[in-house]
Amino acid sequence: MRLSQFHLHTSKETPAEAEIVSHKLMLKAGMIRKLAAGLYTWSPLGLRVLRKVERAVREEMNAAGAIEVLMPSVQPKELWEETGRWEKFGGQLLKMQDRKEAWYCYGPTHEEVITDFARNELASYKQLPVNFFQIQTKFRDEIRPRFGVMRAREFLMKDAYSFHLTDEDLGREYKNMYDTYGRIFTRLGLKFRAVFADTGAIGGSASHEFHVLADSGEDAIAFSSGSDYAANVELAEAVSPGPRAAAAEAMHKVDTPTQKTCEDVAALMGIALQRTVKSVALMGEDAEGNPQFVLALVRGDHVVNEIKLSKLAGLGEYRLATEEEIDQHLGSEPGFLGPVAPKKAIRIVADRSVAAMADFVVGANEKGFHLAGVNWGRDLPEPHEVADIRNAVEGDPSPDGHGTLGIARGIEVGHVFALGRKYSEAMKLTVLDNNGKAAAPAMGCYGIGVSRIVAAAIEQNHDENGIAWPEAMAPWQAVVCMINPKNDAAVSEAAQALYRELNAAGIETALDDRGLRPGAMFADIELIGIPHRVVVSERGLAAGTFEYRHRLASEAENLDRAAVLSRLAGKA
């Protein structure tokens, strides 16, 4: 590609609207242009990168035995009502009506559509297993679209869905897709981790997320220092800290007139925050479905994990208790709550770390006071329930018993789910098994954010000069730059000859024949992240060399033609 014939529109200015590196650099490099909130046009440069990612995903999915289809992006309401997700999916579901006032949505995902396709196409176990995938535009109506294509409303996604007669066969394909994702992200040159994750709105029995590691990542990942264990912090198990120490203090009241947080109470008393207990008042349901007041207890330096809480019996749809409900059950106001001597019977759920504490500090259920030296079994009954209800933190023991947990930041770019029969049963998809009986197939779901990978790769691969693409994602592997070609025809001829020779050797190369000054030309090439730059100049030709520089190298090298070809072919 001759850049004089290509639309390359870069900018020196940092866009005011951009908050993170990838958004800034994609705009400066001219890869994307904003149309409306969360909606972007991909320029020819950006599209080249997007297609590189798409090609890697498609080729690896094909190699893994998946079969490509293409489903409508606009989906009828009736399908979503069959699964109950027309309302449950929430405000992210963009709903619309046609001229006949029939309701549709712009697909954020395609479980309903593929299940409808399968119930019309699959009749026998002999057609299973099968894995259908597509690469298609999706739309989710984010409340606050931001970070460019990282959290856009419209995005390009690869979604795949597999169908199996048995759970064991689903497990096989789940592992196949897990391994395939590893090959995709490795091929794209990304540093990533696969982590245990929550199944969320998609549902199912098992789930792994694939995260590109980057300091700007929105998700926190807990990983073991002594094994391959890794999990989203929302799901990482916080193990029991060990046996409880014996009581050493008598319970006593402490005057805390304005101290309502564990931090303030600890500071006032001159004790470690780890000796305090945070009480979170909730409303859930008892076994009969009646409203139930729940006090969730975590250590003062820990954070309640909402997902873990919601998995406990009666707390699937919990909410925070109102001040009136708190007063009814504890006779106090927020800031001074605790589990000792409640006004009415309540359910107490203690985190594992709290259940192992002795001589701890809690609210006294009296405005302006806390209780210190509190001990289980003496000052209050043992907790009704002990559960893991907090976020794991740096230094926690690894749940698999090997090493301790560290915390890293990651950007989710892929997700695999073992759905089970949630959708096949809801939509009455059955096939005849080998005994001639109707059976609902088990399903798997496997998604990759194709457009999101582009932004995530930039977050992981950049410097002060711009993007530094991994080879597999770069718009071109190399660029040949001409210095003052108008003053010396030999420079132009040599540059064009090298350009043709590199492309003929299978090295995807662009020719920068725009006639820019060297500084401006090199700045553009660094900004857009081309891995290899070869400069053809009058001085170099006189010496029989070209100036070669890798995007991340600190110095340029003078190489002859054979050395340039060898270097770019990966032989040196």
Protein backbone atom coordinates (compact mmCIF):
# COMPACT_ATOMS: atom_id res chain seq x y z
CA MET A 1 0.00 0.00 0.00
CA ARG A 2 1.34 3.43 -1.01
CA LEU A 3 0.45 5.86 1.77
CA SER A 4 0.01 8.63 -0.78
CA GLN A 5 -3.01 6.68 -2.01
CA PHE A 6 -4.26 5.70 1.44
CA HIS A 7 -6.44 7.68 3.84
CA LEU A 8 -4.12 8.30 6.80
CA HIS A 9 -5.26 11.24 8.94
CA THR A 10 -3.29 11.61 12.17
CA SER A 11 -3.37 14.38 14.74
CA LYS A 12 -0.79 15.91 17.08
CA GLU A 13 -3.40 17.04 19.57
CA THR A 14 -4.64 14.89 22.44
CA PRO A 15 -8.46 14.71 22.22
CA ALA A 16 -10.16 16.29 25.23
CA GLU A 17 -12.94 13.67 25.20
CA ALA A 18 -10.57 10.73 25.62
CA GLU A 19 -9.92 9.39 29.14
CA ILE A 20 -7.67 6.36 28.61
CA VAL A 21 -4.61 5.71 26.46
CA SER A 22 -6.27 3.51 23.85
CA HIS A 23 -9.03 6.04 23.21
CA LYS A 24 -6.52 8.90 22.90
CA LEU A 25 -4.21 7.00 20.58
CA MET A 26 -6.97 5.58 18.39
CA LEU A 27 -8.26 9.11 17.82
CA LYS A 28 -4.79 10.62 17.32
CA ALA A 29 -3.85 7.82 14.90
CA GLY A 30 -7.12 8.36 13.02
CA MET A 31 -8.31 4.79 13.58
CA ILE A 32 -11.81 5.74 14.70
CA ARG A 33 -14.11 8.74 14.52
CA LYS A 34 -17.04 9.36 16.84
CA LEU A 35 -20.52 9.49 15.32
CA ALA A 36 -22.54 9.66 18.55
CA ALA A 37 -22.13 8.48 22.16
CA GLY A 38 -20.67 4.97 22.01
CA LEU A 39 -20.87 4.82 18.19
CA TYR A 40 -17.71 4.95 16.05
CA THR A 41 -16.75 4.82 12.40
CA TRP A 42 -13.65 2.72 11.80
CA SER A 43 -11.30 4.42 9.35
CA PRO A 44 -9.36 2.44 6.72
CA LEU A 45 -6.40 2.27 9.13
CA GLY A 46 -8.51 1.10 12.06
CA LEU A 47 -10.34 -1.40 9.89
CA ARG A 48 -7.06 -3.01 8.83
CA VAL A 49 -6.30 -3.77 12.47
CA LEU A 50 -9.85 -4.90 13.20
CA ARG A 51 -9.75 -7.31 10.27
CA LYS A 52 -6.44 -8.76 11.50
CA VAL A 53 -8.08 -9.64 14.81
CA GLU A 54 -11.18 -10.95 13.07
CA ARG A 55 -9.10 -13.17 10.79
CA ALA A 56 -7.17 -14.70 13.69
CA VAL A 57 -10.41 -15.41 15.55
CA ARG A 58 -12.11 -16.91 12.49
CA GLU A 59 -9.18 -19.12 11.52
CA GLU A 60 -8.72 -20.51 15.04
CA MET A 61 -12.45 -21.14 15.44
CA ASN A 62 -12.54 -22.98 12.13
CA ALA A 63 -9.49 -25.01 13.17
CA ALA A 64 -11.28 -25.93 16.40
CA GLY A 65 -14.19 -27.42 14.48
CA ALA A 66 -16.74 -24.61 14.83
CA ILE A 67 -19.03 -23.79 11.89
CA GLU A 68 -19.67 -20.18 10.87
CA VAL A 69 -23.19 -18.79 10.49
CA LEU A 70 -24.63 -15.28 10.36
CA MET A 71 -27.76 -14.42 12.33
CA PRO A 72 -29.96 -11.30 12.21
CA SER A 73 -28.93 -8.45 14.49
CA VAL A 74 -32.60 -7.45 14.92
CA GLN A 75 -34.50 -9.99 17.00
CA PRO A 76 -38.25 -10.41 17.72
CA LYS A 77 -39.56 -9.80 21.23
CA GLU A 78 -41.28 -13.19 21.34
CA LEU A 79 -37.98 -15.09 21.48
CA TRP A 80 -36.78 -13.06 24.45
CA GLU A 81 -40.09 -13.56 26.22
CA GLU A 82 -39.64 -17.33 25.98
CA THR A 83 -36.50 -17.07 28.12
CA GLY A 84 -37.78 -14.27 30.36
CA ARG A 85 -34.98 -11.94 29.32
CA TRP A 86 -37.12 -9.28 27.59
CA GLU A 87 -37.50 -7.63 30.99
CA LYS A 88 -34.64 -9.24 32.92
CA PHE A 89 -31.88 -8.04 30.60
CA GLY A 90 -32.59 -4.48 31.69
CA GLY A 91 -31.95 -1.10 30.14
CA GLN A 92 -29.05 -2.30 28.00
CA LEU A 93 -31.56 -3.98 25.68
CA LEU A 94 -32.41 -1.54 22.88
CA LYS A 95 -36.08 -2.09 22.03
CA MET A 96 -37.88 -0.82 18.94
CA GLN A 97 -41.07 -1.22 16.91
CA ASP A 98 -41.58 -1.70 13.20
CA ARG A 99 -44.34 -0.11 11.10
CA LYS A 100 -46.75 -2.82 12.22
CA GLU A 101 -45.99 -1.94 15.86
CA ALA A 102 -44.35 -5.32 16.48
CA TRP A 103 -41.56 -5.19 19.06
CA TYR A 104 -37.93 -6.10 18.35
CA CYS A 105 -34.55 -5.60 19.97
CA TYR A 106 -31.12 -4.93 18.54
CA GLY A 107 -29.25 -8.05 19.63
CA PRO A 108 -26.76 -7.70 22.47
CA THR A 109 -26.21 -11.47 22.29
CA HIS A 110 -27.78 -14.37 20.37
CA GLU A 111 -28.69 -17.24 22.73
CA GLU A 112 -32.38 -16.97 21.82
CA VAL A 113 -31.78 -16.76 18.07
CA ILE A 114 -29.35 -19.67 17.89
CA THR A 115 -31.65 -21.83 20.06
CA ASP A 116 -34.55 -21.04 17.73
CA PHE A 117 -32.32 -21.95 14.77
CA ALA A 118 -31.31 -25.20 16.46
CA ARG A 119 -34.86 -26.28 17.32
CA ASN A 120 -35.73 -26.03 13.64
CA GLU A 121 -32.52 -27.64 12.36
CA LEU A 122 -31.51 -30.28 14.89
CA ALA A 123 -33.66 -33.37 15.32
CA SER A 124 -31.34 -36.23 16.27
CA TYR A 125 -28.37 -36.90 18.52
CA LYS A 126 -26.57 -37.89 15.30
CA GLN A 127 -26.33 -34.17 14.46
CA LEU A 128 -24.55 -33.48 17.74
CA PRO A 129 -22.19 -32.18 18.91
CA VAL A 130 -22.16 -29.02 16.86
CA ASN A 131 -20.72 -25.55 17.46
CA PHE A 132 -22.03 -22.56 15.48
CA PHE A 133 -20.22 -19.22 15.54
CA GLN A 134 -20.58 -15.79 13.97
CA ILE A 135 -18.67 -12.50 13.90
CA GLN A 136 -21.22 -9.73 13.98
CA THR A 137 -22.12 -6.30 15.31
CA LYS A 138 -23.87 -6.17 18.68
CA PHE A 139 -25.53 -3.31 20.56
CA ARG A 140 -25.86 -2.74 24.29
CA ASP A 141 -27.33 0.53 25.47
CA GLU A 142 -24.69 1.43 28.06
CA ILE A 143 -25.78 4.07 30.56
CA ARG A 144 -22.44 5.79 30.18
CA PRO A 145 -20.52 4.72 27.10
CA ARG A 146 -16.88 5.69 27.54
CA PHE A 147 -13.27 4.80 26.81
CA GLY A 148 -13.85 4.74 23.05
CA VAL A 149 -14.40 1.25 21.65
CA MET A 150 -13.51 -0.25 25.04
CA ARG A 151 -17.03 0.42 26.32
CA ALA A 152 -18.97 1.37 23.22
CA ARG A 153 -22.66 0.76 22.65
CA GLU A 154 -22.07 -0.82 19.24
CA PHE A 155 -19.24 -3.33 18.96
CA LEU A 156 -17.99 -6.27 16.92
CA MET A 157 -18.17 -9.63 18.66
CA LYS A 158 -17.50 -13.27 17.94
CA ASP A 159 -20.15 -15.38 19.62
CA ALA A 160 -20.35 -19.16 19.42
CA TYR A 161 -22.91 -21.64 20.72
CA SER A 162 -22.48 -25.39 21.06
CA PHE A 163 -25.07 -28.16 21.49
CA HIS A 164 -24.46 -31.51 23.20
CA LEU A 165 -26.41 -34.58 24.17
CA THR A 166 -24.52 -35.01 27.47
CA ASP A 167 -22.92 -32.79 30.08
CA GLU A 168 -19.69 -34.71 29.61
CA ASP A 169 -19.59 -33.78 25.94
CA LEU A 170 -20.30 -30.13 26.84
CA GLY A 171 -17.30 -30.30 29.18
CA ARG A 172 -15.14 -31.52 26.30
CA GLU A 173 -16.16 -28.63 24.05
CA TYR A 174 -15.80 -26.14 26.91
CA LYS A 175 -12.17 -27.27 27.24
CA ASN A 176 -11.76 -27.10 23.46
CA MET A 177 -12.96 -23.49 23.40
CA TYR A 178 -10.88 -22.61 26.47
CA ASP A 179 -7.78 -23.89 24.68
CA THR A 180 -8.80 -22.21 21.43
CA TYR A 181 -9.08 -18.85 23.17
CA GLY A 182 -5.59 -19.33 24.56
CA ARG A 183 -4.30 -19.91 21.02
CA ILE A 184 -6.14 -16.83 19.70
CA PHE A 185 -4.75 -14.43 22.28
CA THR A 186 -1.27 -15.95 22.04
CA ARG A 187 -1.35 -15.63 18.25
CA LEU A 188 -2.32 -11.96 18.62
CA GLY A 189 0.72 -11.37 20.81
CA LEU A 190 -1.19 -10.43 23.97
CA LYS A 191 -0.32 -11.04 27.63
CA PHE A 192 -3.46 -12.50 29.16
CA ARG A 193 -4.88 -14.59 31.99
CA ALA A 194 -7.87 -16.92 32.04
CA VAL A 195 -9.78 -16.56 35.29
CA PHE A 196 -12.75 -18.17 37.02
CA ALA A 197 -15.73 -15.85 36.68
CA ASP A 198 -19.38 -15.34 37.55
CA THR A 199 -21.95 -16.46 34.97
CA GLY A 200 -23.91 -13.20 35.31
CA ALA A 201 -26.90 -12.43 33.09
CA ILE A 202 -25.98 -15.13 30.57
CA GLY A 203 -26.40 -17.85 33.19
CA GLY A 204 -24.97 -21.33 33.37
CA SER A 205 -22.90 -23.58 35.60
CA ALA A 206 -19.29 -22.70 34.73
CA SER A 207 -17.53 -19.67 33.38
CA HIS A 208 -14.05 -18.35 32.59
CA GLU A 209 -13.09 -14.84 31.55
CA PHE A 210 -10.02 -14.04 29.47
CA HIS A 211 -8.33 -10.80 30.46
CA VAL A 212 -5.64 -8.82 28.70
CA LEU A 213 -3.38 -7.62 31.51
CA ALA A 214 -3.10 -3.83 31.68
CA ASP A 215 -2.79 -1.29 34.48
CA SER A 216 -5.85 0.54 33.12
CA GLY A 217 -8.04 -2.57 33.31
CA GLU A 218 -11.46 -2.16 34.91
CA ASP A 219 -11.46 -5.64 36.41
CA ALA A 220 -9.38 -6.83 39.36
CA ILE A 221 -7.92 -10.33 38.99
CA ALA A 222 -6.71 -12.42 41.89
CA PHE A 223 -3.90 -14.82 40.99
CA SER A 224 -1.76 -17.24 42.96
CA SER A 225 1.97 -16.81 43.45
CA GLY A 226 2.41 -20.57 43.62
CA SER A 227 0.09 -22.03 40.98
CA ASP A 228 -2.01 -21.31 37.88
CA TYR A 229 -5.03 -20.38 39.99
CA ALA A 230 -6.65 -17.12 38.86
CA ALA A 231 -10.14 -15.70 39.34
CA ASN A 232 -12.02 -12.47 39.03
CA VAL A 233 -11.93 -10.79 42.45
CA GLU A 234 -15.73 -11.01 42.44
CA LEU A 235 -15.43 -14.80 42.47
CA ALA A 236 -12.04 -15.52 44.07
CA GLU A 237 -12.52 -17.48 47.27
CA ALA A 238 -11.35 -15.87 50.50
CA VAL A 239 -10.35 -18.84 52.63
CA SER A 240 -10.79 -19.18 56.40
CA PRO A 241 -7.94 -17.52 58.30
CA GLY A 242 -7.51 -20.28 60.89
CA PRO A 243 -8.64 -21.00 64.46
CA ARG A 244 -10.10 -18.27 66.64
CA ALA A 245 -7.96 -16.87 69.46
CA ALA A 246 -9.18 -17.03 73.05
CA ALA A 247 -10.96 -14.00 74.49
CA ALA A 248 -8.58 -11.66 76.34
CA GLU A 249 -10.78 -8.60 76.99
CA ALA A 250 -14.08 -7.89 78.70
CA MET A 251 -16.74 -6.32 76.50
CA HIS A 252 -17.01 -2.59 77.16
CA LYS A 253 -18.74 0.43 75.65
CA VAL A 254 -16.69 3.10 73.87
CA ASP A 255 -17.87 6.66 73.34
CA THR A 256 -17.75 7.40 69.60
CA PRO A 257 -19.88 10.54 69.24
CA THR A 258 -19.16 11.29 65.56
CA GLN A 259 -17.25 8.21 64.45
CA LYS A 260 -19.49 6.21 62.11
CA THR A 261 -16.98 4.33 59.95
CA CYS A 262 -14.61 1.55 60.94
CA GLU A 263 -11.70 3.72 59.86
CA ASP A 264 -12.73 6.59 62.14
CA VAL A 265 -13.46 4.27 65.09
CA ALA A 266 -10.09 2.52 64.72
CA ALA A 267 -8.29 5.87 64.55
CA LEU A 268 -10.09 7.14 67.66
CA MET A 269 -9.28 3.99 69.64
CA GLY A 270 -5.73 3.72 68.31
CA ILE A 271 -6.21 0.15 67.10
CA ALA A 272 -5.69 -1.65 63.80
CA LEU A 273 -8.58 -1.47 61.34
CA GLN A 274 -8.46 -5.28 61.20
CA ARG A 275 -9.88 -5.41 64.75
CA THR A 276 -13.14 -3.74 63.73
CA VAL A 277 -16.23 -5.33 62.16
CA LYS A 278 -18.41 -3.66 59.55
CA SER A 279 -22.17 -4.35 59.78
CA VAL A 280 -24.21 -4.13 56.56
CA ALA A 281 -28.01 -4.17 57.01
CA LEU A 282 -29.95 -5.96 54.27
CA MET A 283 -33.43 -7.19 53.49
CA GLY A 284 -33.77 -10.68 52.05
CA GLU A 285 -36.29 -13.51 52.34
CA ASP A 286 -36.69 -16.41 54.75
CA ALA A 287 -37.42 -19.99 53.69
CA GLU A 288 -41.13 -19.20 53.30
CA GLY A 289 -40.47 -16.15 51.14
CA ASN A 290 -41.24 -13.61 53.85
CA PRO A 291 -39.12 -10.46 54.28
CA GLN A 292 -36.12 -11.08 56.52
CA PHE A 293 -33.69 -8.61 58.09
CA VAL A 294 -30.08 -9.70 57.60
CA LEU A 295 -26.90 -8.31 59.13
CA ALA A 296 -23.84 -9.15 56.99
CA LEU A 297 -20.55 -8.82 58.87
CA VAL A 298 -17.11 -8.28 57.31
CA ARG A 299 -13.84 -7.16 58.79
CA GLY A 300 -13.34 -3.40 58.81
CA ASP A 301 -10.59 -3.51 56.18
CA HIS A 302 -12.56 -5.79 53.86
CA VAL A 303 -15.26 -5.09 51.26
CA VAL A 304 -18.58 -6.95 51.00
CA ASN A 305 -18.81 -8.95 47.78
CA GLU A 306 -22.30 -8.42 46.36
CA ILE A 307 -22.13 -11.41 44.03
CA LYS A 308 -21.13 -13.82 46.79
CA LEU A 309 -23.90 -12.42 49.03
CA SER A 310 -26.51 -12.85 46.32
CA LYS A 311 -25.71 -16.57 46.05
CA LEU A 312 -26.74 -17.25 49.66
CA ALA A 313 -30.21 -18.62 50.38
CA GLY A 314 -32.79 -15.88 50.56
CA LEU A 315 -30.43 -13.17 49.30
CA GLY A 316 -30.79 -13.63 45.56
CA GLU A 317 -32.73 -10.37 45.29
CA TYR A 318 -31.51 -8.65 48.45
CA ARG A 319 -31.50 -4.89 48.96
CA LEU A 320 -30.12 -2.51 51.54
CA ALA A 321 -32.39 -2.05 54.55
CA THR A 322 -34.05 1.32 55.04
CA GLU A 323 -33.38 3.46 58.12
CA GLU A 324 -36.87 2.62 59.35
CA GLU A 325 -36.21 -1.13 59.01
CA ILE A 326 -32.87 -0.73 60.76
CA ASP A 327 -34.52 1.08 63.66
CA GLN A 328 -37.22 -1.60 63.92
CA HIS A 329 -34.72 -4.44 64.18
CA LEU A 330 -31.69 -2.87 65.84
CA GLY A 331 -33.08 0.25 67.53
CA SER A 332 -30.28 2.37 66.10
CA GLU A 333 -29.24 4.45 63.15
CA PRO A 334 -26.61 3.68 60.46
CA GLY A 335 -23.05 4.17 61.66
CA PHE A 336 -23.53 2.47 65.02
CA LEU A 337 -24.92 -0.92 63.99
CA GLY A 338 -23.81 -4.26 65.37
CA PRO A 339 -24.87 -7.86 66.05
CA VAL A 340 -24.95 -7.64 69.86
CA ALA A 341 -28.44 -7.66 71.45
CA PRO A 342 -30.61 -6.72 68.48
CA LYS A 343 -34.08 -5.33 69.19
CA LYS A 344 -35.76 -8.15 67.21
CA ALA A 345 -34.68 -11.54 65.91
CA ILE A 346 -32.41 -11.14 62.88
CA ARG A 347 -30.33 -13.36 60.63
CA ILE A 348 -26.58 -12.86 61.04
CA VAL A 349 -24.22 -13.82 58.21
CA ALA A 350 -20.56 -13.52 59.23
CA ASP A 351 -17.69 -13.61 56.82
CA ARG A 352 -15.15 -16.36 57.53
CA SER A 353 -12.61 -13.82 58.76
CA VAL A 354 -15.15 -12.32 61.19
CA ALA A 355 -16.12 -15.73 62.56
CA ALA A 356 -12.45 -16.26 63.46
CA MET A 357 -12.07 -12.92 65.30
CA ALA A 358 -11.78 -12.36 69.05
CA ASP A 359 -11.90 -9.11 71.06
CA PHE A 360 -13.36 -7.21 68.11
CA VAL A 361 -15.14 -3.84 67.87
CA VAL A 362 -18.72 -3.41 66.57
CA GLY A 363 -21.46 -0.83 66.72
CA ALA A 364 -23.42 -0.81 69.99
CA ASN A 365 -26.83 -0.27 68.35
CA GLU A 366 -26.87 3.03 70.22
CA LYS A 367 -26.14 6.41 68.68
CA GLY A 368 -22.65 7.61 69.61
CA PHE A 369 -21.33 4.28 70.92
CA HIS A 370 -19.41 1.17 69.87
CA LEU A 371 -18.59 -2.02 71.76
CA ALA A 372 -15.01 -3.25 72.16
CA GLY A 373 -13.72 -6.59 73.41
CA VAL A 374 -16.63 -8.45 71.81
CA ASN A 375 -16.34 -12.24 71.56
CA TRP A 376 -18.47 -14.95 69.95
CA GLY A 377 -20.17 -17.40 72.27
CA ARG A 378 -19.78 -15.11 75.25
CA ASP A 379 -21.18 -11.68 74.34
CA LEU A 380 -23.37 -12.86 71.49
CA PRO A 381 -24.35 -16.25 70.05
CA GLU A 382 -22.21 -17.91 67.42
CA PRO A 383 -23.20 -16.55 63.98
CA HIS A 384 -26.21 -18.21 62.34
CA GLU A 385 -24.24 -18.57 59.17
CA VAL A 386 -20.54 -18.34 58.25
CA ALA A 387 -19.79 -17.76 54.57
CA ASP A 388 -17.27 -16.25 52.19
CA ILE A 389 -18.88 -12.84 51.54
CA ARG A 390 -15.92 -10.54 50.94
CA ASN A 391 -13.56 -9.63 48.12
CA ALA A 392 -10.23 -11.41 48.18
CA VAL A 393 -7.28 -9.10 48.81
CA GLU A 394 -3.55 -9.06 48.16
CA GLY A 395 -1.76 -11.49 50.48
CA ASP A 396 -4.71 -13.81 51.11
CA PRO A 397 -3.81 -17.53 50.99
CA SER A 398 -4.53 -19.02 47.57
CA PRO A 399 -7.70 -21.16 47.66
CA ASP A 400 -5.84 -24.10 46.11
CA GLY A 401 -3.35 -24.11 48.97
CA HIS A 402 -0.38 -22.99 46.87
CA GLY A 403 1.09 -19.57 47.56
CA THR A 404 -0.69 -16.30 48.22
CA LEU A 405 -2.92 -14.13 46.10
CA GLY A 406 -1.75 -11.10 44.17
CA ILE A 407 -4.06 -8.61 42.47
CA ALA A 408 -3.63 -7.45 38.87
CA ARG A 409 -5.77 -5.34 36.57
CA GLY A 410 -7.28 -6.82 33.44
CA ILE A 411 -9.49 -5.97 30.48
CA GLU A 412 -12.03 -8.66 29.70
CA VAL A 413 -11.84 -9.65 26.03
CA GLY A 414 -13.31 -13.16 26.07
CA HIS A 415 -15.76 -15.25 28.07
CA VAL A 416 -16.73 -18.92 27.93
CA PHE A 417 -19.89 -20.30 29.61
CA ALA A 418 -21.20 -23.78 30.20
CA LEU A 419 -24.89 -22.86 29.87
CA GLY A 420 -26.34 -26.27 30.54
CA ARG A 421 -29.99 -26.58 29.55
CA LYS A 422 -31.24 -23.15 30.60
CA TYR A 423 -32.10 -22.04 27.06
CA SER A 424 -32.91 -25.39 25.44
CA GLU A 425 -35.49 -26.15 28.14
CA ALA A 426 -36.97 -22.64 28.17
CA MET A 427 -37.38 -22.70 24.39
CA LYS A 428 -38.37 -26.39 24.19
CA LEU A 429 -35.43 -27.46 22.04
CA THR A 430 -35.22 -31.26 21.99
CA VAL A 431 -33.52 -33.93 19.90
CA LEU A 432 -34.07 -37.68 19.85
CA ASP A 433 -31.38 -39.51 21.83
CA ASN A 434 -29.99 -42.93 20.95
CA ASN A 435 -33.01 -44.55 22.65
CA GLY A 436 -35.48 -42.57 20.58
CA LYS A 437 -36.48 -40.34 23.50
CA ALA A 438 -36.71 -36.53 23.41
CA ALA A 439 -33.82 -34.86 25.24
CA ALA A 440 -32.94 -31.20 25.77
CA PRO A 441 -29.35 -30.60 24.61
CA ALA A 442 -26.79 -29.03 26.92
CA MET A 443 -25.38 -25.78 25.54
CA GLY A 444 -22.17 -23.79 25.70
CA CYS A 445 -21.65 -20.11 24.87
CA TYR A 446 -18.32 -18.56 23.90
CA GLY A 447 -17.78 -14.85 23.23
CA ILE A 448 -14.84 -12.68 22.16
CA GLY A 449 -14.94 -8.89 21.93
CA VAL A 450 -13.23 -8.43 18.57
CA SER A 451 -13.29 -4.62 18.55
CA ARG A 452 -12.47 -4.49 22.27
CA ILE A 453 -9.29 -6.50 21.66
CA VAL A 454 -7.98 -3.65 19.51
CA ALA A 455 -8.27 -1.17 22.37
CA ALA A 456 -7.01 -3.66 24.95
CA ALA A 457 -3.92 -4.37 22.86
CA ILE A 458 -3.11 -0.64 22.78
CA GLU A 459 -3.51 -0.39 26.55
CA GLN A 460 -0.89 -3.12 26.85
CA ASN A 461 1.37 -1.99 23.99
CA HIS A 462 2.19 1.71 23.80
CA ASP A 463 4.77 4.30 24.78
CA GLU A 464 5.04 8.09 24.77
CA ASN A 465 5.28 8.10 20.97
CA GLY A 466 2.16 6.10 20.25
CA ILE A 467 1.00 2.55 19.62
CA ALA A 468 3.42 -0.40 19.48
CA TRP A 469 1.37 -3.16 17.85
CA PRO A 470 2.16 -6.84 18.24
CA GLU A 471 3.18 -8.11 14.81
CA ALA A 472 -0.05 -10.04 14.21
CA MET A 473 -2.25 -6.98 14.76
CA ALA A 474 -0.29 -4.21 13.05
CA PRO A 475 -1.90 -2.61 9.97
CA TRP A 476 1.38 -3.40 8.16
CA GLN A 477 4.38 -5.30 9.42
CA ALA A 478 6.83 -2.84 7.89
CA VAL A 479 6.99 0.54 6.23
CA VAL A 480 9.59 1.77 3.76
CA CYS A 481 10.24 5.52 4.16
CA MET A 482 11.78 7.68 1.43
CA ILE A 483 13.95 10.71 2.31
CA ASN A 484 13.83 13.53 -0.26
CA PRO A 485 12.87 11.31 -3.21
CA LYS A 486 12.24 14.35 -5.43
CA ASN A 487 15.91 15.34 -5.16
CA ASP A 488 17.23 11.93 -6.08
CA ALA A 489 15.40 9.55 -8.39
CA ALA A 490 17.63 6.73 -7.18
CA VAL A 491 16.10 7.03 -3.68
CA SER A 492 12.59 6.67 -5.09
CA GLU A 493 13.57 3.76 -7.32
CA ALA A 494 15.39 1.92 -4.51
CA ALA A 495 12.52 2.47 -2.06
CA GLN A 496 9.95 1.17 -4.52
CA ALA A 497 12.11 -1.83 -5.37
CA LEU A 498 12.55 -2.70 -1.68
CA TYR A 499 8.82 -2.20 -1.11
CA ARG A 500 7.98 -4.64 -3.89
CA GLU A 501 10.60 -7.15 -2.74
CA LEU A 502 9.36 -7.18 0.86
CA ASN A 503 5.75 -7.72 -0.17
CA ALA A 504 6.81 -10.46 -2.58
CA ALA A 505 8.57 -12.15 0.34
CA GLY A 506 5.27 -12.21 2.23
CA ILE A 507 6.13 -9.27 4.51
CA GLU A 508 3.12 -6.93 4.50
CA THR A 509 4.72 -3.56 3.78
CA ALA A 510 3.56 0.00 3.17
CA LEU A 511 5.49 2.63 1.21
CA ASP A 512 5.53 6.11 2.72
CA ASP A 513 5.71 8.18 -0.46
CA ARG A 514 3.76 11.17 0.90
CA GLY A 515 6.76 13.49 0.60
CA LEU A 516 6.76 14.52 4.28
CA ARG A 517 9.80 15.78 6.16
CA PRO A 518 11.57 12.97 8.06
CA GLY A 519 10.45 14.16 11.51
CA ALA A 520 6.77 14.31 10.61
CA MET A 521 6.94 11.05 8.67
CA PHE A 522 8.66 9.14 11.48
CA ALA A 523 6.26 10.56 14.08
CA ASP A 524 3.29 9.26 12.07
CA ILE A 525 4.83 5.80 11.68
CA GLU A 526 5.56 5.57 15.40
CA LEU A 527 2.10 6.86 16.31
CA ILE A 528 0.29 4.24 14.22
CA GLY A 529 2.58 1.55 15.62
CA ILE A 530 4.22 -0.15 12.61
CA PRO A 531 6.67 -2.74 14.03
CA HIS A 532 9.48 -2.26 11.47
CA ARG A 533 10.71 0.90 9.74
CA VAL A 534 13.20 0.94 6.87
CA VAL A 535 14.53 4.30 5.65
CA VAL A 536 15.92 4.76 2.16
CA SER A 537 18.12 7.85 1.80
CA GLU A 538 20.79 9.25 -0.51
CA ARG A 539 23.46 8.79 2.17
CA GLY A 540 22.40 5.21 2.84
CA LEU A 541 22.44 4.28 -0.84
CA ALA A 542 25.94 5.67 -1.15
CA ALA A 543 27.01 3.37 1.69
CA GLY A 544 25.01 0.42 0.35
CA THR A 545 22.75 0.29 3.41
CA PHE A 546 19.25 1.06 4.67
CA GLU A 547 18.42 2.45 8.09
CA TYR A 548 16.38 -0.14 10.00
CA ARG A 549 14.64 0.39 13.32
CA HIS A 550 12.22 -1.76 15.28
CA ARG A 551 9.35 0.20 16.82
CA LEU A 552 10.57 -0.45 20.36
CA ALA A 553 14.33 -0.19 19.71
CA SER A 554 16.23 2.75 21.15
CA GLU A 555 18.67 2.94 18.23
CA ALA A 556 18.54 2.48 14.47
CA GLU A 557 20.84 0.09 12.58
CA ASN A 558 22.42 0.36 9.16
CA LEU A 559 21.82 -2.89 7.28
CA ASP A 560 22.39 -4.02 3.71
CA ARG A 561 19.54 -5.35 1.59
CA ALA A 562 20.11 -9.01 2.51
CA ALA A 563 20.24 -8.18 6.23
CA VAL A 564 17.00 -6.16 6.02
CA LEU A 565 15.21 -9.01 4.29
CA SER A 566 16.57 -11.51 6.77
CA ARG A 567 15.65 -9.35 9.76
CA LEU A 568 12.09 -8.77 8.58
CA ALA A 569 11.64 -12.40 7.69
CA GLY A 570 12.50 -13.21 11.29
CA LYS A 571 15.75 -14.98 10.46
CA ALA A 572 18.05 -12.68 12.41
